[in-house]
PDB file of N, CA and C in Angstrom:
ATOM      1  N   MET A   1      36.769  19.334  -5.983  1.00  0.00           N
ATOM      2  CA  MET A   1      36.210  19.540  -7.431  1.00  0.00           C
ATOM      3  C   MET A   1      34.775  20.079  -7.239  1.00  0.00           C
ATOM      4  N   ASN A   2      34.442  21.466  -8.049  1.00  0.00           N
ATOM      5  CA  ASN A   2      33.246  22.097  -7.895  1.00  0.00           C
ATOM      6  C   ASN A   2      31.979  21.066  -8.362  1.00  0.00           C
ATOM      7  N   LYS A   3      31.016  21.711  -7.960  1.00  0.00           N
ATOM      8  CA  LYS A   3      29.668  20.757  -8.652  1.00  0.00           C
ATOM      9  C   LYS A   3      29.353  21.082 -10.019  1.00  0.00           C
ATOM     10  N   ALA A   4      29.884  22.154 -10.772  1.00  0.00           N
ATOM     11  CA  ALA A   4      29.696  21.815 -12.018  1.00  0.00           C
ATOM     12  C   ALA A   4      30.653  20.634 -13.063  1.00  0.00           C
ATOM     13  N   THR A   5      31.866  20.649 -12.319  1.00  0.00           N
ATOM     14  CA  THR A   5      32.633  19.571 -12.957  1.00  0.00           C
ATOM     15  C   THR A   5      32.029  18.049 -12.647  1.00  0.00           C
ATOM     16  N   LYS A   6      31.471  17.800 -11.625  1.00  0.00           N
ATOM     17  CA  LYS A   6      30.979  16.709 -11.234  1.00  0.00           C
ATOM     18  C   LYS A   6      29.467  16.386 -11.928  1.00  0.00           C
ATOM     19  N   VAL A   7      28.748  17.573 -12.098  1.00  0.00           N
ATOM     20  CA  VAL A   7      27.678  17.509 -12.989  1.00  0.00           C
ATOM     21  C   VAL A   7      28.111  16.879 -14.396  1.00  0.00           C
ATOM     22  N   PHE A   8      28.874  17.627 -14.874  1.00  0.00           N
ATOM     23  CA  PHE A   8      29.518  17.480 -16.483  1.00  0.00           C
ATOM     24  C   PHE A   8      30.249  15.884 -16.575  1.00  0.00           C
ATOM     25  N   GLY A   9      30.874  15.800 -15.367  1.00  0.00           N
ATOM     26  CA  GLY A   9      31.555  14.440 -15.638  1.00  0.00           C
ATOM     27  C   GLY A   9      30.262  13.109 -15.732  1.00  0.00           C
ATOM     28  N   ALA A  10      29.323  13.536 -14.399  1.00  0.00           N
ATOM     29  CA  ALA A  10      28.108  12.559 -15.009  1.00  0.00           C
ATOM     30  C   ALA A  10      27.602  12.056 -15.871  1.00  0.00           C
ATOM     31  N   ILE A  11      27.342  13.733 -16.504  1.00  0.00           N
ATOM     32  CA  ILE A  11      26.716  13.491 -17.615  1.00  0.00           C
ATOM     33  C   ILE A  11      27.448  12.886 -19.250  1.00  0.00           C
ATOM     34  N   PHE A  12      28.718  13.234 -18.767  1.00  0.00           N
ATOM     35  CA  PHE A  12      29.674  12.210 -19.709  1.00  0.00           C
ATOM     36  C   PHE A  12      29.618  10.705 -19.418  1.00  0.00           C
ATOM     37  N   GLY A  13      29.815  10.759 -18.156  1.00  0.00           N
ATOM     38  CA  GLY A  13      29.883   9.035 -17.974  1.00  0.00           C
ATOM     39  C   GLY A  13      28.098   8.455 -18.141  1.00  0.00           C
ATOM     40  N   GLY A  14      27.273   9.355 -18.223  1.00  0.00           N
ATOM     41  CA  GLY A  14      25.894   8.816 -18.388  1.00  0.00           C
ATOM     42  C   GLY A  14      26.187   8.445 -20.097  1.00  0.00           C
ATOM     43  N   VAL A  15      26.383   9.170 -20.941  1.00  0.00           N
ATOM     44  CA  VAL A  15      26.521   9.182 -22.296  1.00  0.00           C
ATOM     45  C   VAL A  15      27.317   7.758 -22.785  1.00  0.00           C
ATOM     46  N   LEU A  16      28.539   7.342 -21.837  1.00  0.00           N
ATOM     47  CA  LEU A  16      29.043   6.418 -22.053  1.00  0.00           C
ATOM     48  C   LEU A  16      28.136   5.165 -21.908  1.00  0.00           C
ATOM     49  N   ALA A  17      27.505   5.335 -20.660  1.00  0.00           N
ATOM     50  CA  ALA A  17      27.024   4.115 -19.737  1.00  0.00           C
ATOM     51  C   ALA A  17      25.649   4.176 -20.793  1.00  0.00           C
ATOM     52  N   GLY A  18      24.958   4.977 -21.529  1.00  0.00           N
ATOM     53  CA  GLY A  18      23.634   4.709 -22.063  1.00  0.00           C
ATOM     54  C   GLY A  18      24.259   4.034 -23.513  1.00  0.00           C
ATOM     55  N   ALA A  19      25.313   4.935 -23.877  1.00  0.00           N
ATOM     56  CA  ALA A  19      25.733   3.377 -25.483  1.00  0.00           C
ATOM     57  C   ALA A  19      26.013   2.558 -24.949  1.00  0.00           C
ATOM     58  N   ALA A  20      26.593   2.231 -23.572  1.00  0.00           N
ATOM     59  CA  ALA A  20      26.851   0.538 -23.614  1.00  0.00           C
ATOM     60  C   ALA A  20      25.537  -0.065 -23.568  1.00  0.00           C
ATOM     61  N   LEU A  21      24.775   0.529 -22.586  1.00  0.00           N
ATOM     62  CA  LEU A  21      23.167   0.025 -22.550  1.00  0.00           C
ATOM     63  C   LEU A  21      22.222  -0.285 -24.019  1.00  0.00           C
ATOM     64  N   ALA A  22      22.564   0.696 -24.797  1.00  0.00           N
ATOM     65  CA  ALA A  22      21.984   0.629 -26.262  1.00  0.00           C
ATOM     66  C   ALA A  22      22.949  -0.697 -26.975  1.00  0.00           C
ATOM     67  N   PHE A  23      24.020  -0.841 -26.781  1.00  0.00           N
ATOM     68  CA  PHE A  23      24.898  -1.701 -27.549  1.00  0.00           C
ATOM     69  C   PHE A  23      24.484  -3.303 -27.010  1.00  0.00           C
ATOM     70  N   ILE A  24      24.489  -3.332 -25.291  1.00  0.00           N
ATOM     71  CA  ILE A  24      23.872  -4.441 -24.964  1.00  0.00           C
ATOM     72  C   ILE A  24      22.681  -4.948 -24.996  1.00  0.00           C
ATOM     73  N   MET A  25      21.919  -4.266 -25.372  1.00  0.00           N
ATOM     74  CA  MET A  25      20.039  -3.933 -25.783  1.00  0.00           C
ATOM     75  C   MET A  25      19.900  -4.527 -26.946  1.00  0.00           C
ATOM     76  N   SER A  26      20.794  -4.231 -28.070  1.00  0.00           N
ATOM     77  CA  SER A  26      20.922  -4.577 -29.588  1.00  0.00           C
ATOM     78  C   SER A  26      21.430  -6.249 -29.570  1.00  0.00           C
ATOM     79  N   VAL A  27      22.685  -6.059 -28.977  1.00  0.00           N
ATOM     80  CA  VAL A  27      23.181  -7.557 -29.163  1.00  0.00           C
ATOM     81  C   VAL A  27      21.810  -8.744 -28.661  1.00  0.00           C
ATOM     82  N   ALA A  28      21.468  -8.076 -27.598  1.00  0.00           N
ATOM     83  CA  ALA A  28      20.891  -9.722 -27.035  1.00  0.00           C
ATOM     84  C   ALA A  28      19.359  -9.413 -27.696  1.00  0.00           C
ATOM     85  N   THR A  29      18.985  -8.219 -28.461  1.00  0.00           N
ATOM     86  CA  THR A  29      17.826  -8.646 -29.605  1.00  0.00           C
ATOM     87  C   THR A  29      18.608  -9.349 -30.453  1.00  0.00           C
ATOM     88  N   ILE A  30      19.649  -9.442 -31.211  1.00  0.00           N
ATOM     89  CA  ILE A  30      20.034 -10.306 -32.448  1.00  0.00           C
ATOM     90  C   ILE A  30      20.257 -11.562 -31.893  1.00  0.00           C
ATOM     91  N   VAL A  31      20.820 -11.740 -30.721  1.00  0.00           N
ATOM     92  CA  VAL A  31      21.290 -13.396 -30.118  1.00  0.00           C
ATOM     93  C   VAL A  31      19.437 -13.977 -29.927  1.00  0.00           C
ATOM     94  N   THR A  32      18.545 -12.976 -29.564  1.00  0.00           N
ATOM     95  CA  THR A  32      17.343 -13.683 -29.455  1.00  0.00           C
ATOM     96  C   THR A  32      16.487 -14.090 -30.705  1.00  0.00           C
ATOM     97  N   ALA A  33      16.809 -13.237 -31.828  1.00  0.00           N
ATOM     98  CA  ALA A  33      16.404 -13.422 -32.930  1.00  0.00           C
ATOM     99  C   ALA A  33      16.722 -15.107 -33.300  1.00  0.00           C
ATOM    100  N   ILE A  34      18.188 -14.749 -33.621  1.00  0.00           N
ATOM    101  CA  ILE A  34      19.021 -15.977 -34.187  1.00  0.00           C
ATOM    102  C   ILE A  34      18.600 -17.188 -33.078  1.00  0.00           C
ATOM    103  N   VAL A  35      18.365 -17.327 -31.392  1.00  0.00           N
ATOM    104  CA  VAL A  35      18.139 -18.553 -30.852  1.00  0.00           C
ATOM    105  C   VAL A  35      16.535 -18.956 -31.261  1.00  0.00           C
ATOM    106  N   THR A  36      15.550 -17.932 -31.153  1.00  0.00           N
ATOM    107  CA  THR A  36      14.231 -18.339 -31.496  1.00  0.00           C
ATOM    108  C   THR A  36      13.718 -19.011 -33.229  1.00  0.00           C
ATOM    109  N   GLY A  37      14.560 -18.196 -33.726  1.00  0.00           N
ATOM    110  CA  GLY A  37      14.360 -18.509 -35.228  1.00  0.00           C
ATOM    111  C   GLY A  37      13.553 -17.043 -35.961  1.00  0.00           C
ATOM    112  N   SER A  38      13.059 -16.513 -34.861  1.00  0.00           N
ATOM    113  CA  SER A  38      12.070 -15.511 -35.377  1.00  0.00           C
ATOM    114  C   SER A  38      12.293 -14.040 -35.480  1.00  0.00           C
ATOM    115  N   THR A  39      11.464 -13.340 -35.410  1.00  0.00           N
ATOM    116  CA  THR A  39      12.031 -11.811 -35.390  1.00  0.00           C
ATOM    117  C   THR A  39      11.437 -11.506 -33.888  1.00  0.00           C
ATOM    118  N   ALA A  40      13.342 -10.674 -33.687  1.00  0.00           N
ATOM    119  CA  ALA A  40      12.698  -9.900 -32.012  1.00  0.00           C
ATOM    120  C   ALA A  40      13.075  -8.283 -32.395  1.00  0.00           C
ATOM    121  N   ASP A  41      12.053  -8.021 -31.548  1.00  0.00           N
ATOM    122  CA  ASP A  41      11.780  -6.183 -31.309  1.00  0.00           C
ATOM    123  C   ASP A  41      11.822  -5.617 -29.955  1.00  0.00           C
ATOM    124  N   LEU A  42      12.813  -4.599 -30.392  1.00  0.00           N
ATOM    125  CA  LEU A  42      12.679  -3.872 -29.061  1.00  0.00           C
ATOM    126  C   LEU A  42      11.817  -2.295 -29.688  1.00  0.00           C
ATOM    127  N   PRO A  43      10.473  -2.318 -29.664  1.00  0.00           N
ATOM    128  CA  PRO A  43       9.742  -1.504 -30.513  1.00  0.00           C
ATOM    129  C   PRO A  43       9.979  -0.214 -30.254  1.00  0.00           C
ATOM    130  N   GLY A  44      10.201   0.754 -31.407  1.00  0.00           N
ATOM    131  CA  GLY A  44      10.614   2.317 -31.232  1.00  0.00           C
ATOM    132  C   GLY A  44      12.336   1.978 -31.060  1.00  0.00           C
ATOM    133  N   ILE A  45      13.044   0.974 -31.191  1.00  0.00           N
ATOM    134  CA  ILE A  45      14.320   1.063 -30.637  1.00  0.00           C
ATOM    135  C   ILE A  45      15.462   0.273 -32.002  1.00  0.00           C
ATOM    136  N   PHE A  46      14.762  -1.146 -31.550  1.00  0.00           N
ATOM    137  CA  PHE A  46      15.668  -2.154 -32.373  1.00  0.00           C
ATOM    138  C   PHE A  46      15.078  -3.152 -32.877  1.00  0.00           C
ATOM    139  N   SER A  47      15.412  -3.859 -34.019  1.00  0.00           N
ATOM    140  CA  SER A  47      14.565  -4.812 -34.861  1.00  0.00           C
ATOM    141  C   SER A  47      15.753  -5.954 -35.383  1.00  0.00           C
ATOM    142  N   ALA A  48      15.234  -7.433 -35.202  1.00  0.00           N
ATOM    143  CA  ALA A  48      16.090  -8.053 -35.762  1.00  0.00           C
ATOM    144  C   ALA A  48      15.657  -9.551 -36.736  1.00  0.00           C
ATOM    145  N   THR A  49      15.558  -9.930 -37.736  1.00  0.00           N
ATOM    146  CA  THR A  49      14.941 -11.013 -38.340  1.00  0.00           C
ATOM    147  C   THR A  49      16.351 -11.585 -38.807  1.00  0.00           C
ATOM    148  N   PRO A  50      16.270 -12.781 -38.464  1.00  0.00           N
ATOM    149  CA  PRO A  50      17.180 -13.919 -38.721  1.00  0.00           C
ATOM    150  C   PRO A  50      16.926 -14.436 -40.190  1.00  0.00           C
ATOM    151  N   GLY A  51      17.528 -15.086 -40.749  1.00  0.00           N
ATOM    152  CA  GLY A  51      17.667 -15.524 -42.292  1.00  0.00           C
ATOM    153  C   GLY A  51      18.961 -16.313 -42.515  1.00  0.00           C
ATOM    154  N   SER A  52      18.886 -16.531 -43.738  1.00  0.00           N
ATOM    155  CA  SER A  52      20.250 -17.026 -44.526  1.00  0.00           C
ATOM    156  C   SER A  52      20.758 -16.581 -45.528  1.00  0.00           C
ATOM    157  N   GLU A  53      21.871 -16.603 -45.847  1.00  0.00           N
ATOM    158  CA  GLU A  53      22.421 -16.008 -47.398  1.00  0.00           C
ATOM    159  C   GLU A  53      23.539 -16.936 -47.958  1.00  0.00           C
ATOM    160  N   ASN A  54      22.946 -17.888 -48.902  1.00  0.00           N
ATOM    161  CA  ASN A  54      24.141 -18.822 -49.497  1.00  0.00           C
ATOM    162  C   ASN A  54      24.665 -19.887 -48.278  1.00  0.00           C
ATOM    163  N   ASP A  55      23.319 -20.241 -48.032  1.00  0.00           N
ATOM    164  CA  ASP A  55      23.391 -21.038 -46.672  1.00  0.00           C
ATOM    165  C   ASP A  55      24.258 -21.056 -45.324  1.00  0.00           C
ATOM    166  N   ALA A  56      24.182 -19.735 -45.454  1.00  0.00           N
ATOM    167  CA  ALA A  56      24.827 -19.330 -44.131  1.00  0.00           C
ATOM    168  C   ALA A  56      24.258 -18.774 -43.159  1.00  0.00           C
ATOM    169  N   LEU A  57      23.906 -18.357 -41.526  1.00  0.00           N
ATOM    170  CA  LEU A  57      22.962 -17.473 -41.072  1.00  0.00           C
ATOM    171  C   LEU A  57      23.399 -16.454 -41.099  1.00  0.00           C
ATOM    172  N   ALA A  58      22.501 -15.321 -41.385  1.00  0.00           N
ATOM    173  CA  ALA A  58      22.248 -14.182 -41.635  1.00  0.00           C
ATOM    174  C   ALA A  58      21.516 -13.615 -40.696  1.00  0.00           C
ATOM    175  N   VAL A  59      21.271 -12.411 -40.292  1.00  0.00           N
ATOM    176  CA  VAL A  59      20.507 -11.239 -39.459  1.00  0.00           C
ATOM    177  C   VAL A  59      20.350 -10.206 -39.905  1.00  0.00           C
ATOM    178  N   GLU A  60      19.196  -9.556 -40.470  1.00  0.00           N
ATOM    179  CA  GLU A  60      19.007  -8.737 -40.906  1.00  0.00           C
ATOM    180  C   GLU A  60      18.368  -7.305 -39.668  1.00  0.00           C
ATOM    181  N   PHE A  61      18.930  -6.310 -39.389  1.00  0.00           N
ATOM    182  CA  PHE A  61      18.573  -5.720 -38.352  1.00  0.00           C
ATOM    183  C   PHE A  61      17.984  -4.181 -38.725  1.00  0.00           C
ATOM    184  N   GLN A  62      17.284  -3.710 -38.048  1.00  0.00           N
ATOM    185  CA  GLN A  62      17.049  -2.727 -38.498  1.00  0.00           C
ATOM    186  C   GLN A  62      16.670  -1.084 -36.933  1.00  0.00           C
ATOM    187  N   PRO A  63      17.830  -0.787 -36.721  1.00  0.00           N
ATOM    188  CA  PRO A  63      17.798   0.163 -35.939  1.00  0.00           C
ATOM    189  C   PRO A  63      17.131   1.384 -35.972  1.00  0.00           C
ATOM    190  N   ASN A  64      16.447   1.736 -34.859  1.00  0.00           N
ATOM    191  CA  ASN A  64      15.997   3.437 -35.027  1.00  0.00           C
ATOM    192  C   ASN A  64      16.705   4.384 -33.998  1.00  0.00           C
ATOM    193  N   SER A  65      17.498   5.322 -34.829  1.00  0.00           N
ATOM    194  CA  SER A  65      18.590   5.936 -34.366  1.00  0.00           C
ATOM    195  C   SER A  65      17.788   7.062 -32.913  1.00  0.00           C
ATOM    196  N   THR A  66      16.385   7.178 -33.519  1.00  0.00           N
ATOM    197  CA  THR A  66      15.776   8.354 -32.554  1.00  0.00           C
ATOM    198  C   THR A  66      15.613   7.309 -31.293  1.00  0.00           C
ATOM    199  N   GLY A  67      15.580   6.104 -31.197  1.00  0.00           N
ATOM    200  CA  GLY A  67      15.004   5.392 -30.011  1.00  0.00           C
ATOM    201  C   GLY A  67      16.449   4.834 -29.228  1.00  0.00           C
ATOM    202  N   LEU A  68      17.470   4.971 -30.313  1.00  0.00           N
ATOM    203  CA  LEU A  68      18.750   4.435 -29.471  1.00  0.00           C
ATOM    204  C   LEU A  68      19.395   5.780 -28.979  1.00  0.00           C
ATOM    205  N   LEU A  69      19.229   6.978 -29.590  1.00  0.00           N
ATOM    206  CA  LEU A  69      19.357   8.356 -29.097  1.00  0.00           C
ATOM    207  C   LEU A  69      18.787   8.875 -27.779  1.00  0.00           C
ATOM    208  N   LEU A  70      17.363   8.029 -27.779  1.00  0.00           N
ATOM    209  CA  LEU A  70      16.662   8.960 -26.262  1.00  0.00           C
ATOM    210  C   LEU A  70      17.162   7.779 -25.256  1.00  0.00           C
ATOM    211  N   ILE A  71      17.317   6.216 -25.649  1.00  0.00           N
ATOM    212  CA  ILE A  71      18.208   5.851 -24.391  1.00  0.00           C
ATOM    213  C   ILE A  71      19.670   6.601 -23.975  1.00  0.00           C
ATOM    214  N   VAL A  72      20.619   6.820 -25.072  1.00  0.00           N
ATOM    215  CA  VAL A  72      21.778   7.586 -24.266  1.00  0.00           C
ATOM    216  C   VAL A  72      21.456   9.062 -23.515  1.00  0.00           C
ATOM    217  N   ALA A  73      20.123   9.859 -24.244  1.00  0.00           N
ATOM    218  CA  ALA A  73      20.061  10.973 -23.174  1.00  0.00           C
ATOM    219  C   ALA A  73      19.587  10.824 -22.103  1.00  0.00           C
ATOM    220  N   ALA A  74      18.705   9.798 -22.237  1.00  0.00           N
ATOM    221  CA  ALA A  74      17.832   9.662 -21.131  1.00  0.00           C
ATOM    222  C   ALA A  74      18.741   9.006 -19.570  1.00  0.00           C
ATOM    223  N   THR A  75      19.810   8.282 -20.001  1.00  0.00           N
ATOM    224  CA  THR A  75      20.863   7.886 -19.405  1.00  0.00           C
ATOM    225  C   THR A  75      21.727   9.041 -18.843  1.00  0.00           C
ATOM    226  N   ALA A  76      21.978   9.748 -19.918  1.00  0.00           N
ATOM    227  CA  ALA A  76      23.291  10.626 -19.350  1.00  0.00           C
ATOM    228  C   ALA A  76      22.053  11.883 -18.611  1.00  0.00           C
ATOM    229  N   ALA A  77      20.645  11.750 -18.612  1.00  0.00           N
ATOM    230  CA  ALA A  77      19.975  13.096 -17.803  1.00  0.00           C
ATOM    231  C   ALA A  77      20.355  12.225 -16.372  1.00  0.00           C
ATOM    232  N   ILE A  78      19.420  11.173 -16.282  1.00  0.00           N
ATOM    233  CA  ILE A  78      19.421  10.847 -14.988  1.00  0.00           C
ATOM    234  C   ILE A  78      20.697  10.863 -13.750  1.00  0.00           C
ATOM    235  N   CYS A  79      21.836  10.426 -14.875  1.00  0.00           N
ATOM    236  CA  CYS A  79      23.091  10.401 -14.293  1.00  0.00           C
ATOM    237  C   CYS A  79      23.454  11.712 -13.447  1.00  0.00           C
ATOM    238  N   GLY A  80      23.177  12.942 -14.766  1.00  0.00           N
ATOM    239  CA  GLY A  80      23.129  14.355 -14.554  1.00  0.00           C
ATOM    240  C   GLY A  80      22.555  14.877 -13.473  1.00  0.00           C
ATOM    241  N   ILE A  81      21.554  14.573 -13.331  1.00  0.00           N
ATOM    242  CA  ILE A  81      20.494  14.876 -12.191  1.00  0.00           C
ATOM    243  C   ILE A  81      20.596  14.354 -11.035  1.00  0.00           C
ATOM    244  N   ALA A  82      21.233  13.243 -10.826  1.00  0.00           N
ATOM    245  CA  ALA A  82      21.681  12.494  -9.576  1.00  0.00           C
ATOM    246  C   ALA A  82      23.140  12.987  -9.252  1.00  0.00           C
ATOM    247  N   ALA A  83      24.055  13.562 -10.053  1.00  0.00           N
ATOM    248  CA  ALA A  83      24.913  14.375  -9.244  1.00  0.00           C
ATOM    249  C   ALA A  83      24.474  15.332  -8.962  1.00  0.00           C
ATOM    250  N   ALA A  84      23.667  16.382  -9.598  1.00  0.00           N
ATOM    251  CA  ALA A  84      23.370  17.921  -9.150  1.00  0.00           C
ATOM    252  C   ALA A  84      22.621  17.679  -7.847  1.00  0.00           C
ATOM    253  N   LEU A  85      21.721  16.722  -7.684  1.00  0.00           N
ATOM    254  CA  LEU A  85      21.195  16.511  -6.344  1.00  0.00           C
ATOM    255  C   LEU A  85      22.087  15.756  -5.302  1.00  0.00           C
ATOM    256  N   SER A  86      23.010  15.417  -5.219  1.00  0.00           N
ATOM    257  CA  SER A  86      23.931  15.041  -4.281  1.00  0.00           C
ATOM    258  C   SER A  86      24.414  15.911  -3.626  1.00  0.00           C
ATOM    259  N   ASP A  87      24.698  15.899  -2.301  1.00  0.00           N
ATOM    260  CA  ASP A  87      25.567  16.887  -1.547  1.00  0.00           C
ATOM    261  C   ASP A  87      26.391  16.412  -0.668  1.00  0.00           C
ATOM    262  N   LYS A  88      26.742  14.866  -1.178  1.00  0.00           N
ATOM    263  CA  LYS A  88      27.856  13.951  -0.531  1.00  0.00           C
ATOM    264  C   LYS A  88      29.141  14.643  -0.778  1.00  0.00           C
ATOM    265  N   LYS A  89      29.775  14.969   0.023  1.00  0.00           N
ATOM    266  CA  LYS A  89      31.286  15.481   0.481  1.00  0.00           C
ATOM    267  C   LYS A  89      32.007  14.713   0.178  1.00  0.00           C
ATOM    268  N   ASN A  90      33.253  14.899  -0.554  1.00  0.00           N
ATOM    269  CA  ASN A  90      34.152  13.716  -0.387  1.00  0.00           C
ATOM    270  C   ASN A  90      35.522  14.128   0.601  1.00  0.00           C
ATOM    271  N   HIS A  91      35.312  13.739   1.556  1.00  0.00           N
ATOM    272  CA  HIS A  91      36.292  13.939   3.181  1.00  0.00           C
ATOM    273  C   HIS A  91      36.788  12.686   3.546  1.00  0.00           C
ATOM    274  N   THR A  92      38.134  12.986   3.604  1.00  0.00           N
ATOM    275  CA  THR A  92      38.469  11.409   4.285  1.00  0.00           C
ATOM    276  C   THR A  92      38.387  11.589   5.634  1.00  0.00           C
ATOM    277  N   PRO A  93      37.864  10.484   6.620  1.00  0.00           N
ATOM    278  CA  PRO A  93      37.905  10.457   7.952  1.00  0.00           C
ATOM    279  C   PRO A  93      39.014  10.887   8.616  1.00  0.00           C
ATOM    280  N   GLU A  94      38.434  11.443   9.999  1.00  0.00           N
ATOM    281  CA  GLU A  94      39.536  11.933  10.668  1.00  0.00           C
ATOM    282  C   GLU A  94      40.238  11.284  11.527  1.00  0.00           C
ATOM    283  N   HIS A  95      41.272  10.731  11.751  1.00  0.00           N
ATOM    284  CA  HIS A  95      41.937  10.159  12.745  1.00  0.00           C
ATOM    285  C   HIS A  95      42.619  10.512  13.567  1.00  0.00           C
ATOM    286  N   GLU A  96      42.435   9.963  14.973  1.00  0.00           N
ATOM    287  CA  GLU A  96      42.810  10.649  15.956  1.00  0.00           C
ATOM    288  C   GLU A  96      43.613   9.825  16.625  1.00  0.00           C
TER     289      GLU A  96
END
């Protein structure tokens, strides 16, 4: 596998990891808002406020798309840079 393929694969993996990270952070914010009964906020990323609708639990959330995309882009960049800087070769050990 050449270096470009390795880097692009790492960037793609970073995009998926960043999206998963953003999702987990959003769910954690919603759960925190429900449990505490007050507004939970990740500044510039996500905000959740608990409430009720027809005597049922409701959560109003406001995502910030710029902040969420920044998380995904930063994770992809870190993975891509790490792959570009790694010189590790995938060799099988020689058996004697």
